[in-house]
Amino acid sequence: MPGTKAGGIKAAAKNRALHGPDFYARIGAVGGRKGTTGGFAANRELAREAGRKGGMISRRGKTIKVVSVTTNKKVSAKRETFDLAA
């Protein structure tokens, strides 16, 4: 039953039997002590710079707006679909 809800319940019961009823409270407390509010929470300018770098390497191509001659409706299309030199 690994990976099922019933298997998880059985695993939790076994962990509590082997390590005591406060097992999950103790391992949660360890994680809470190790965590610090560092990284982006401490340095807003670092977060801004990281977002800028990520946005610059976007793999999505830019779209161009084209007005159709027959219907005058705006259509978005990828730049690669048009020969812009013509």
C-alpha atoms as a PDB file:
ATOM      1  CA  MET A   1       0.000   0.000   0.000  1.00  0.00           C
ATOM      2  CA  PRO A   2       2.818   2.498  -0.439  1.00  0.00           C
ATOM      3  CA  GLY A   3       1.712   5.859  -1.740  1.00  0.00           C
ATOM      4  CA  THR A   4      -1.900   5.513  -0.615  1.00  0.00           C
ATOM      5  CA  LYS A   5      -3.799   7.219   2.185  1.00  0.00           C
ATOM      6  CA  ALA A   6      -4.174   3.936   4.056  1.00  0.00           C
ATOM      7  CA  GLY A   7      -0.430   3.311   3.775  1.00  0.00           C
ATOM      8  CA  GLY A   8       0.310   6.778   5.137  1.00  0.00           C
ATOM      9  CA  ILE A   9      -1.938   6.183   8.136  1.00  0.00           C
ATOM     10  CA  LYS A  10      -0.187   2.895   8.869  1.00  0.00           C
ATOM     11  CA  ALA A  11       3.242   4.526   8.528  1.00  0.00           C
ATOM     12  CA  ALA A  12       2.249   7.343  10.900  1.00  0.00           C
ATOM     13  CA  ALA A  13       1.002   4.818  13.463  1.00  0.00           C
ATOM     14  CA  LYS A  14       4.263   2.878  13.240  1.00  0.00           C
ATOM     15  CA  ASN A  15       6.349   6.057  13.593  1.00  0.00           C
ATOM     16  CA  ARG A  16       4.400   7.002  16.728  1.00  0.00           C
ATOM     17  CA  ALA A  17       4.795   3.478  18.137  1.00  0.00           C
ATOM     18  CA  LEU A  18       8.567   3.422  17.517  1.00  0.00           C
ATOM     19  CA  HIS A  19       9.463   7.016  18.383  1.00  0.00           C
ATOM     20  CA  GLY A  20       6.767   8.130  20.816  1.00  0.00           C
ATOM     21  CA  PRO A  21       3.452   9.934  20.465  1.00  0.00           C
ATOM     22  CA  ASP A  22       5.143  13.334  20.076  1.00  0.00           C
ATOM     23  CA  PHE A  23       7.289  12.232  17.083  1.00  0.00           C
ATOM     24  CA  TYR A  24       5.811  14.667  14.557  1.00  0.00           C
ATOM     25  CA  ALA A  25       5.895  17.568  17.035  1.00  0.00           C
ATOM     26  CA  ARG A  26       9.606  16.949  17.666  1.00  0.00           C
ATOM     27  CA  ILE A  27      10.615  16.766  13.998  1.00  0.00           C
ATOM     28  CA  GLY A  28       8.498  19.846  13.254  1.00  0.00           C
ATOM     29  CA  ALA A  29      10.227  21.747  16.053  1.00  0.00           C
ATOM     30  CA  VAL A  30      13.633  20.880  14.590  1.00  0.00           C
ATOM     31  CA  GLY A  31      12.618  22.379  11.266  1.00  0.00           C
ATOM     32  CA  GLY A  32      11.283  25.485  12.978  1.00  0.00           C
ATOM     33  CA  ARG A  33      14.553  26.034  14.822  1.00  0.00           C
ATOM     34  CA  LYS A  34      16.638  25.618  11.691  1.00  0.00           C
ATOM     35  CA  GLY A  35      14.577  28.061   9.645  1.00  0.00           C
ATOM     36  CA  THR A  36      15.545  31.681   9.534  1.00  0.00           C
ATOM     37  CA  THR A  37      13.825  34.442   7.663  1.00  0.00           C
ATOM     38  CA  GLY A  38      16.671  35.004   5.272  1.00  0.00           C
ATOM     39  CA  GLY A  39      16.973  34.947   1.520  1.00  0.00           C
ATOM     40  CA  PHE A  40      14.385  36.991  -0.323  1.00  0.00           C
ATOM     41  CA  ALA A  41      12.541  37.913   2.862  1.00  0.00           C
ATOM     42  CA  ALA A  42      15.647  39.654   4.214  1.00  0.00           C
ATOM     43  CA  ASN A  43      16.833  41.253   0.969  1.00  0.00           C
ATOM     44  CA  ARG A  44      14.104  42.705  -1.246  1.00  0.00           C
ATOM     45  CA  GLU A  45      16.616  44.046  -3.760  1.00  0.00           C
ATOM     46  CA  LEU A  46      18.043  40.520  -4.236  1.00  0.00           C
ATOM     47  CA  ALA A  47      14.532  39.242  -5.013  1.00  0.00           C
ATOM     48  CA  ARG A  48      14.007  42.042  -7.526  1.00  0.00           C
ATOM     49  CA  GLU A  49      17.281  41.265  -9.299  1.00  0.00           C
ATOM     50  CA  ALA A  50      16.534  37.536  -9.428  1.00  0.00           C
ATOM     51  CA  GLY A  51      13.112  38.213 -10.953  1.00  0.00           C
ATOM     52  CA  ARG A  52      14.665  40.494 -13.549  1.00  0.00           C
ATOM     53  CA  LYS A  53      17.191  37.831 -14.544  1.00  0.00           C
ATOM     54  CA  GLY A  54      14.490  35.174 -14.787  1.00  0.00           C
ATOM     55  CA  GLY A  55      12.314  37.400 -16.935  1.00  0.00           C
ATOM     56  CA  MET A  56      15.162  38.174 -19.306  1.00  0.00           C
ATOM     57  CA  ILE A  57      15.750  34.484 -20.095  1.00  0.00           C
ATOM     58  CA  SER A  58      12.112  33.720 -20.816  1.00  0.00           C
ATOM     59  CA  ARG A  59      11.783  31.095 -23.535  1.00  0.00           C
ATOM     60  CA  ARG A  60       8.488  32.431 -24.797  1.00  0.00           C
ATOM     61  CA  GLY A  61       8.737  34.465 -27.962  1.00  0.00           C
ATOM     62  CA  LYS A  62       7.337  37.948 -28.248  1.00  0.00           C
ATOM     63  CA  THR A  63       3.973  38.396 -29.968  1.00  0.00           C
ATOM     64  CA  ILE A  64       3.076  41.095 -32.436  1.00  0.00           C
ATOM     65  CA  LYS A  65      -0.371  42.563 -33.014  1.00  0.00           C
ATOM     66  CA  VAL A  66      -1.639  42.461 -36.592  1.00  0.00           C
ATOM     67  CA  VAL A  67      -4.717  44.233 -37.934  1.00  0.00           C
ATOM     68  CA  SER A  68      -6.504  42.152 -40.542  1.00  0.00           C
ATOM     69  CA  VAL A  69      -7.345  44.053 -43.731  1.00  0.00           C
ATOM     70  CA  THR A  70     -10.725  42.406 -44.278  1.00  0.00           C
ATOM     71  CA  THR A  71     -12.257  42.452 -40.775  1.00  0.00           C
ATOM     72  CA  ASN A  72     -10.226  45.058 -38.827  1.00  0.00           C
ATOM     73  CA  LYS A  73      -9.914  42.622 -35.887  1.00  0.00           C
ATOM     74  CA  LYS A  74      -6.723  42.489 -33.814  1.00  0.00           C
ATOM     75  CA  VAL A  75      -4.971  39.122 -33.897  1.00  0.00           C
ATOM     76  CA  SER A  76      -1.984  37.984 -31.831  1.00  0.00           C
ATOM     77  CA  ALA A  77       0.571  35.823 -33.599  1.00  0.00           C
ATOM     78  CA  LYS A  78       4.144  34.692 -33.072  1.00  0.00           C
ATOM     79  CA  ARG A  79       6.785  36.815 -34.769  1.00  0.00           C
ATOM     80  CA  GLU A  80       8.193  33.749 -36.575  1.00  0.00           C
ATOM     81  CA  THR A  81       5.006  33.323 -38.628  1.00  0.00           C
ATOM     82  CA  PHE A  82       5.481  36.562 -40.543  1.00  0.00           C
ATOM     83  CA  ASP A  83       8.134  37.682 -42.998  1.00  0.00           C
ATOM     84  CA  LEU A  84       8.843  41.136 -41.598  1.00  0.00           C
ATOM     85  CA  ALA A  85      11.412  41.979 -44.311  1.00  0.00           C
ATOM     86  CA  ALA A  86       8.763  42.095 -47.042  1.00  0.00           C
END
